[in-house]
Amino acid sequence: MRNKLCVVVGGGKVAARKAASLLDSGADVRVVSPELTPALRELAAQGRIAWRAGPYSVEALAGAFLVVGATGEAAVNRQVAADCETRGLPVNIVDAPELCSFIVPAVVKRGSLVIAVSTGGASPALSRRIREQLEEQFDESYSVLLAALGEARARVRQNVPDPVRRKEIFAALYEPDLLSVLKQDGTAALFARINEITGGLYA
């Protein structure tokens, strides 16, 4: 997806989420809409997205690698899907799996942790609900924990030459109580526990 032009048709909150997700994937994003949400306006002002102001027309698809239809208007979304089919462009129409040539899973991201949920287009609403439940279960503490574990793993690889000892440390680093330490006692306590496990590599 990196450096590929992805066109998002629509300027509302759903379109904003789709555009943000595409930007996270490294895509070049063009948004087509008469109006934009404040979040999309800010992205346009920063030069992070290209805004084609005005109603949808097929010319907006020029150079596209893939297309997302998120206008909230069924007739416009159907036209986007038809134009993409004619031109052989992959298209995802929000909440209309019958018009999609590919499905975008609902995604939860916590740092380097990525959880994707898909119902294969059978129920986008259920995908969203499951994503919301996962967002509650996997809070931002997982992002902190994963960053700490990544740093610890790098330090062990650099400072512990014995492969057997490295394996023991790696196994200990994934003990389930590390998350509890972080949630109950904070980041400093987490790093103190990691320091114990790694034999003082943070001293």
C-alpha atoms as a PDB file:
ATOM      1  CA  MET A   1       0.000   0.000   0.000  1.00  0.00           C
ATOM      2  CA  ARG A   2       2.946   2.326   0.577  1.00  0.00           C
ATOM      3  CA  ASN A   3       2.997   5.262  -1.860  1.00  0.00           C
ATOM      4  CA  LYS A   4      -0.081   3.913  -3.673  1.00  0.00           C
ATOM      5  CA  LEU A   5      -2.886   6.375  -4.405  1.00  0.00           C
ATOM      6  CA  CYS A   6      -6.040   5.468  -2.514  1.00  0.00           C
ATOM      7  CA  VAL A   7      -9.215   7.465  -3.106  1.00  0.00           C
ATOM      8  CA  VAL A   8     -11.755   7.958  -0.331  1.00  0.00           C
ATOM      9  CA  VAL A   9     -15.117   9.247  -1.550  1.00  0.00           C
ATOM     10  CA  GLY A  10     -16.849  10.999   1.330  1.00  0.00           C
ATOM     11  CA  GLY A  11     -15.949  13.599   3.915  1.00  0.00           C
ATOM     12  CA  GLY A  12     -17.659  12.457   7.121  1.00  0.00           C
ATOM     13  CA  LYS A  13     -16.480  10.646  10.231  1.00  0.00           C
ATOM     14  CA  VAL A  14     -16.385   7.222   8.579  1.00  0.00           C
ATOM     15  CA  ALA A  15     -14.395   8.604   5.657  1.00  0.00           C
ATOM     16  CA  ALA A  16     -12.033  10.223   8.161  1.00  0.00           C
ATOM     17  CA  ARG A  17     -11.410   6.858   9.843  1.00  0.00           C
ATOM     18  CA  LYS A  18     -10.806   5.183   6.492  1.00  0.00           C
ATOM     19  CA  ALA A  19      -8.408   7.925   5.403  1.00  0.00           C
ATOM     20  CA  ALA A  20      -6.493   7.727   8.686  1.00  0.00           C
ATOM     21  CA  SER A  21      -6.154   3.958   8.352  1.00  0.00           C
ATOM     22  CA  LEU A  22      -4.836   4.293   4.800  1.00  0.00           C
ATOM     23  CA  LEU A  23      -2.336   6.934   5.909  1.00  0.00           C
ATOM     24  CA  ASP A  24      -1.130   4.562   8.629  1.00  0.00           C
ATOM     25  CA  SER A  25      -0.481   2.027   5.864  1.00  0.00           C
ATOM     26  CA  GLY A  26       1.729   4.519   4.028  1.00  0.00           C
ATOM     27  CA  ALA A  27      -0.735   5.223   1.227  1.00  0.00           C
ATOM     28  CA  ASP A  28      -1.159   8.493  -0.630  1.00  0.00           C
ATOM     29  CA  VAL A  29      -4.743   9.539   0.073  1.00  0.00           C
ATOM     30  CA  ARG A  30      -7.117  11.624  -2.025  1.00  0.00           C
ATOM     31  CA  VAL A  31     -10.433  12.557  -0.401  1.00  0.00           C
ATOM     32  CA  VAL A  32     -13.352  13.519  -2.633  1.00  0.00           C
ATOM     33  CA  SER A  33     -16.140  15.501  -0.980  1.00  0.00           C
ATOM     34  CA  PRO A  34     -17.773  18.940  -0.994  1.00  0.00           C
ATOM     35  CA  GLU A  35     -17.153  19.218   2.761  1.00  0.00           C
ATOM     36  CA  LEU A  36     -14.764  17.673   5.276  1.00  0.00           C
ATOM     37  CA  THR A  37     -14.849  16.928   8.977  1.00  0.00           C
ATOM     38  CA  PRO A  38     -12.483  19.036  11.105  1.00  0.00           C
ATOM     39  CA  ALA A  39     -10.112  16.065  11.322  1.00  0.00           C
ATOM     40  CA  LEU A  40      -9.948  15.725   7.535  1.00  0.00           C
ATOM     41  CA  ARG A  41      -9.586  19.480   7.106  1.00  0.00           C
ATOM     42  CA  GLU A  42      -6.590  19.397   9.406  1.00  0.00           C
ATOM     43  CA  LEU A  43      -5.015  16.557   7.424  1.00  0.00           C
ATOM     44  CA  ALA A  44      -5.585  18.517   4.219  1.00  0.00           C
ATOM     45  CA  ALA A  45      -4.080  21.664   5.744  1.00  0.00           C
ATOM     46  CA  GLN A  46      -1.032  19.649   6.784  1.00  0.00           C
ATOM     47  CA  GLY A  47      -0.669  18.301   3.267  1.00  0.00           C
ATOM     48  CA  ARG A  48      -1.143  14.735   4.449  1.00  0.00           C
ATOM     49  CA  ILE A  49      -4.141  14.174   2.179  1.00  0.00           C
ATOM     50  CA  ALA A  50      -5.165  15.667  -1.147  1.00  0.00           C
ATOM     51  CA  TRP A  51      -8.674  17.138  -1.041  1.00  0.00           C
ATOM     52  CA  ARG A  52     -10.701  17.185  -4.238  1.00  0.00           C
ATOM     53  CA  ALA A  53     -13.474  19.565  -3.210  1.00  0.00           C
ATOM     54  CA  GLY A  54     -16.826  18.993  -4.853  1.00  0.00           C
ATOM     55  CA  PRO A  55     -19.288  16.205  -5.598  1.00  0.00           C
ATOM     56  CA  TYR A  56     -18.071  12.830  -6.788  1.00  0.00           C
ATOM     57  CA  SER A  57     -17.348  12.322 -10.472  1.00  0.00           C
ATOM     58  CA  VAL A  58     -15.539   9.498 -12.187  1.00  0.00           C
ATOM     59  CA  GLU A  59     -12.554  11.760 -12.900  1.00  0.00           C
ATOM     60  CA  ALA A  60     -11.771  11.602  -9.184  1.00  0.00           C
ATOM     61  CA  LEU A  61     -10.630   7.999  -9.677  1.00  0.00           C
ATOM     62  CA  ALA A  62      -7.765   8.912 -12.018  1.00  0.00           C
ATOM     63  CA  GLY A  63      -4.587   7.130 -10.988  1.00  0.00           C
ATOM     64  CA  ALA A  64      -6.225   5.269  -8.103  1.00  0.00           C
ATOM     65  CA  PHE A  65      -4.842   1.993  -6.780  1.00  0.00           C
ATOM     66  CA  LEU A  66      -7.993   1.300  -4.763  1.00  0.00           C
ATOM     67  CA  VAL A  67     -11.145   3.159  -3.771  1.00  0.00           C
ATOM     68  CA  VAL A  68     -13.278   3.465  -0.644  1.00  0.00           C
ATOM     69  CA  GLY A  69     -16.859   4.719  -0.859  1.00  0.00           C
ATOM     70  CA  ALA A  70     -17.998   6.295   2.409  1.00  0.00           C
ATOM     71  CA  THR A  71     -20.444   9.019   1.445  1.00  0.00           C
ATOM     72  CA  GLY A  72     -23.459   7.897   3.434  1.00  0.00           C
ATOM     73  CA  GLU A  73     -25.501   8.325   0.245  1.00  0.00           C
ATOM     74  CA  ALA A  74     -26.533   5.006  -1.285  1.00  0.00           C
ATOM     75  CA  ALA A  75     -26.887   6.319  -4.835  1.00  0.00           C
ATOM     76  CA  VAL A  76     -23.433   7.889  -4.829  1.00  0.00           C
ATOM     77  CA  ASN A  77     -21.868   4.796  -3.311  1.00  0.00           C
ATOM     78  CA  ARG A  78     -23.490   2.613  -5.980  1.00  0.00           C
ATOM     79  CA  GLN A  79     -22.104   4.890  -8.680  1.00  0.00           C
ATOM     80  CA  VAL A  80     -18.629   4.693  -7.158  1.00  0.00           C
ATOM     81  CA  ALA A  81     -18.874   0.892  -7.123  1.00  0.00           C
ATOM     82  CA  ALA A  82     -20.083   0.778 -10.736  1.00  0.00           C
ATOM     83  CA  ASP A  83     -17.328   3.100 -11.943  1.00  0.00           C
ATOM     84  CA  CYS A  84     -14.700   1.029 -10.152  1.00  0.00           C
ATOM     85  CA  GLU A  85     -16.045  -2.209 -11.614  1.00  0.00           C
ATOM     86  CA  THR A  86     -15.887  -0.721 -15.108  1.00  0.00           C
ATOM     87  CA  ARG A  87     -12.272   0.324 -14.584  1.00  0.00           C
ATOM     88  CA  GLY A  88     -11.161  -2.813 -12.763  1.00  0.00           C
ATOM     89  CA  LEU A  89     -10.397  -0.927  -9.555  1.00  0.00           C
ATOM     90  CA  PRO A  90     -10.668  -2.624  -6.157  1.00  0.00           C
ATOM     91  CA  VAL A  91     -13.463  -0.951  -4.209  1.00  0.00           C
ATOM     92  CA  ASN A  92     -14.811  -1.097  -0.683  1.00  0.00           C
ATOM     93  CA  ILE A  93     -18.210   0.457  -0.033  1.00  0.00           C
ATOM     94  CA  VAL A  94     -18.854   1.030   3.669  1.00  0.00           C
ATOM     95  CA  ASP A  95     -21.774  -1.029   5.036  1.00  0.00           C
ATOM     96  CA  ALA A  96     -22.583  -2.455   1.589  1.00  0.00           C
ATOM     97  CA  PRO A  97     -20.659  -5.734   1.255  1.00  0.00           C
ATOM     98  CA  GLU A  98     -22.608  -6.651  -1.885  1.00  0.00           C
ATOM     99  CA  LEU A  99     -20.917  -3.710  -3.661  1.00  0.00           C
ATOM    100  CA  CYS A 100     -17.405  -4.505  -2.429  1.00  0.00           C
ATOM    101  CA  SER A 101     -14.654  -6.267  -4.321  1.00  0.00           C
ATOM    102  CA  PHE A 102     -12.607  -6.445  -1.110  1.00  0.00           C
ATOM    103  CA  ILE A 103     -13.427  -6.340   2.594  1.00  0.00           C
ATOM    104  CA  VAL A 104     -11.608  -4.190   5.140  1.00  0.00           C
ATOM    105  CA  PRO A 105     -11.447  -5.792   8.588  1.00  0.00           C
ATOM    106  CA  ALA A 106     -12.235  -3.818  11.718  1.00  0.00           C
ATOM    107  CA  VAL A 107      -8.865  -3.163  13.354  1.00  0.00           C
ATOM    108  CA  VAL A 108      -7.688  -2.513  16.903  1.00  0.00           C
ATOM    109  CA  LYS A 109      -4.156  -1.096  17.185  1.00  0.00           C
ATOM    110  CA  ARG A 110      -2.195  -0.803  20.395  1.00  0.00           C
ATOM    111  CA  GLY A 111       1.344   0.111  19.437  1.00  0.00           C
ATOM    112  CA  SER A 112       2.786  -2.882  17.611  1.00  0.00           C
ATOM    113  CA  LEU A 113      -0.228  -5.011  18.577  1.00  0.00           C
ATOM    114  CA  VAL A 114      -2.727  -5.231  15.723  1.00  0.00           C
ATOM    115  CA  ILE A 115      -5.968  -7.212  15.994  1.00  0.00           C
ATOM    116  CA  ALA A 116      -8.152  -7.515  12.897  1.00  0.00           C
ATOM    117  CA  VAL A 117     -11.788  -8.648  12.918  1.00  0.00           C
ATOM    118  CA  SER A 118     -13.743  -9.625   9.832  1.00  0.00           C
ATOM    119  CA  THR A 119     -17.087 -11.292   9.229  1.00  0.00           C
ATOM    120  CA  GLY A 120     -16.331 -11.643   5.528  1.00  0.00           C
ATOM    121  CA  GLY A 121     -18.838  -8.917   4.784  1.00  0.00           C
ATOM    122  CA  ALA A 122     -21.712 -10.819   6.397  1.00  0.00           C
ATOM    123  CA  SER A 123     -22.200  -8.249   9.160  1.00  0.00           C
ATOM    124  CA  PRO A 124     -20.068  -5.076   9.249  1.00  0.00           C
ATOM    125  CA  ALA A 125     -22.070  -3.953  12.294  1.00  0.00           C
ATOM    126  CA  LEU A 126     -21.015  -7.069  14.208  1.00  0.00           C
ATOM    127  CA  SER A 127     -17.393  -6.475  13.206  1.00  0.00           C
ATOM    128  CA  ARG A 128     -17.615  -2.982  14.673  1.00  0.00           C
ATOM    129  CA  ARG A 129     -19.185  -4.276  17.876  1.00  0.00           C
ATOM    130  CA  ILE A 130     -16.466  -6.880  18.339  1.00  0.00           C
ATOM    131  CA  ARG A 131     -13.837  -4.212  17.648  1.00  0.00           C
ATOM    132  CA  GLU A 132     -15.372  -1.991  20.334  1.00  0.00           C
ATOM    133  CA  GLN A 133     -15.274  -4.863  22.819  1.00  0.00           C
ATOM    134  CA  LEU A 134     -11.636  -5.553  21.966  1.00  0.00           C
ATOM    135  CA  GLU A 135     -10.792  -1.866  22.381  1.00  0.00           C
ATOM    136  CA  GLU A 136     -12.144  -2.066  25.927  1.00  0.00           C
ATOM    137  CA  GLN A 137     -10.285  -5.295  26.678  1.00  0.00           C
ATOM    138  CA  PHE A 138      -6.971  -4.299  25.102  1.00  0.00           C
ATOM    139  CA  ASP A 139      -6.364  -0.791  26.423  1.00  0.00           C
ATOM    140  CA  GLU A 140      -3.337   1.465  25.920  1.00  0.00           C
ATOM    141  CA  SER A 141      -1.372  -0.400  28.595  1.00  0.00           C
ATOM    142  CA  TYR A 142      -0.708  -3.071  25.971  1.00  0.00           C
ATOM    143  CA  SER A 143       1.080  -0.491  23.842  1.00  0.00           C
ATOM    144  CA  VAL A 144       3.318   0.456  26.788  1.00  0.00           C
ATOM    145  CA  LEU A 145       3.987  -3.188  27.630  1.00  0.00           C
ATOM    146  CA  LEU A 146       4.887  -4.138  24.060  1.00  0.00           C
ATOM    147  CA  ALA A 147       7.268  -1.200  23.726  1.00  0.00           C
ATOM    148  CA  ALA A 148       8.963  -2.198  26.986  1.00  0.00           C
ATOM    149  CA  LEU A 149       9.226  -5.841  25.919  1.00  0.00           C
ATOM    150  CA  GLY A 150      10.663  -4.841  22.558  1.00  0.00           C
ATOM    151  CA  GLU A 151      13.350  -2.764  24.244  1.00  0.00           C
ATOM    152  CA  ALA A 152      14.111  -5.549  26.719  1.00  0.00           C
ATOM    153  CA  ARG A 153      14.420  -8.113  23.944  1.00  0.00           C
ATOM    154  CA  ALA A 154      16.890  -5.892  22.092  1.00  0.00           C
ATOM    155  CA  ARG A 155      18.993  -5.424  25.237  1.00  0.00           C
ATOM    156  CA  VAL A 156      19.062  -9.155  25.911  1.00  0.00           C
ATOM    157  CA  ARG A 157      20.149  -9.937  22.359  1.00  0.00           C
ATOM    158  CA  GLN A 158      22.930  -7.379  22.633  1.00  0.00           C
ATOM    159  CA  ASN A 159      24.192  -8.272  26.118  1.00  0.00           C
ATOM    160  CA  VAL A 160      23.482 -11.962  26.723  1.00  0.00           C
ATOM    161  CA  PRO A 161      25.633 -14.152  24.451  1.00  0.00           C
ATOM    162  CA  ASP A 162      24.510 -17.513  25.886  1.00  0.00           C
ATOM    163  CA  PRO A 163      21.553 -18.709  23.766  1.00  0.00           C
ATOM    164  CA  VAL A 164      20.199 -20.914  26.558  1.00  0.00           C
ATOM    165  CA  ARG A 165      20.180 -18.004  29.011  1.00  0.00           C
ATOM    166  CA  ARG A 166      18.582 -15.756  26.381  1.00  0.00           C
ATOM    167  CA  LYS A 167      15.812 -18.287  25.868  1.00  0.00           C
ATOM    168  CA  GLU A 168      15.172 -18.428  29.620  1.00  0.00           C
ATOM    169  CA  ILE A 169      14.958 -14.637  29.855  1.00  0.00           C
ATOM    170  CA  PHE A 170      12.658 -14.378  26.853  1.00  0.00           C
ATOM    171  CA  ALA A 171      10.335 -16.979  28.383  1.00  0.00           C
ATOM    172  CA  ALA A 172      10.288 -15.096  31.690  1.00  0.00           C
ATOM    173  CA  LEU A 173       9.577 -11.785  29.971  1.00  0.00           C
ATOM    174  CA  TYR A 174       6.254 -13.081  28.754  1.00  0.00           C
ATOM    175  CA  GLU A 175       4.942 -13.959  32.194  1.00  0.00           C
ATOM    176  CA  PRO A 176       1.358 -12.722  32.498  1.00  0.00           C
ATOM    177  CA  ASP A 177       1.907 -10.724  35.690  1.00  0.00           C
ATOM    178  CA  LEU A 178       3.925  -8.034  33.865  1.00  0.00           C
ATOM    179  CA  LEU A 179       0.702  -6.497  32.603  1.00  0.00           C
ATOM    180  CA  SER A 180      -0.708  -6.555  36.127  1.00  0.00           C
ATOM    181  CA  VAL A 181       2.419  -4.847  37.462  1.00  0.00           C
ATOM    182  CA  LEU A 182       2.039  -2.106  34.857  1.00  0.00           C
ATOM    183  CA  LYS A 183      -1.668  -1.552  35.504  1.00  0.00           C
ATOM    184  CA  GLN A 184      -1.410  -1.634  39.287  1.00  0.00           C
ATOM    185  CA  ASP A 185       1.933   0.049  39.953  1.00  0.00           C
ATOM    186  CA  GLY A 186       2.859   1.964  36.801  1.00  0.00           C
ATOM    187  CA  THR A 187       5.673   2.135  34.266  1.00  0.00           C
ATOM    188  CA  ALA A 188       8.526   2.473  36.766  1.00  0.00           C
ATOM    189  CA  ALA A 189       7.456  -0.729  38.506  1.00  0.00           C
ATOM    190  CA  LEU A 190       7.215  -2.503  35.164  1.00  0.00           C
ATOM    191  CA  PHE A 191      10.786  -1.600  34.229  1.00  0.00           C
ATOM    192  CA  ALA A 192      11.992  -2.574  37.704  1.00  0.00           C
ATOM    193  CA  ARG A 193      10.464  -6.031  37.235  1.00  0.00           C
ATOM    194  CA  ILE A 194      11.940  -6.336  33.743  1.00  0.00           C
ATOM    195  CA  ASN A 195      15.315  -5.339  35.177  1.00  0.00           C
ATOM    196  CA  GLU A 196      15.060  -8.204  37.669  1.00  0.00           C
ATOM    197  CA  ILE A 197      14.139 -10.692  34.967  1.00  0.00           C
ATOM    198  CA  THR A 198      16.972  -9.611  32.663  1.00  0.00           C
ATOM    199  CA  GLY A 199      19.588  -9.749  35.397  1.00  0.00           C
ATOM    200  CA  GLY A 200      20.126  -6.022  35.816  1.00  0.00           C
ATOM    201  CA  LEU A 201      20.424  -4.925  32.188  1.00  0.00           C
ATOM    202  CA  TYR A 202      18.698  -1.645  33.095  1.00  0.00           C
ATOM    203  CA  ALA A 203      21.020  -0.834  36.002  1.00  0.00           C
END
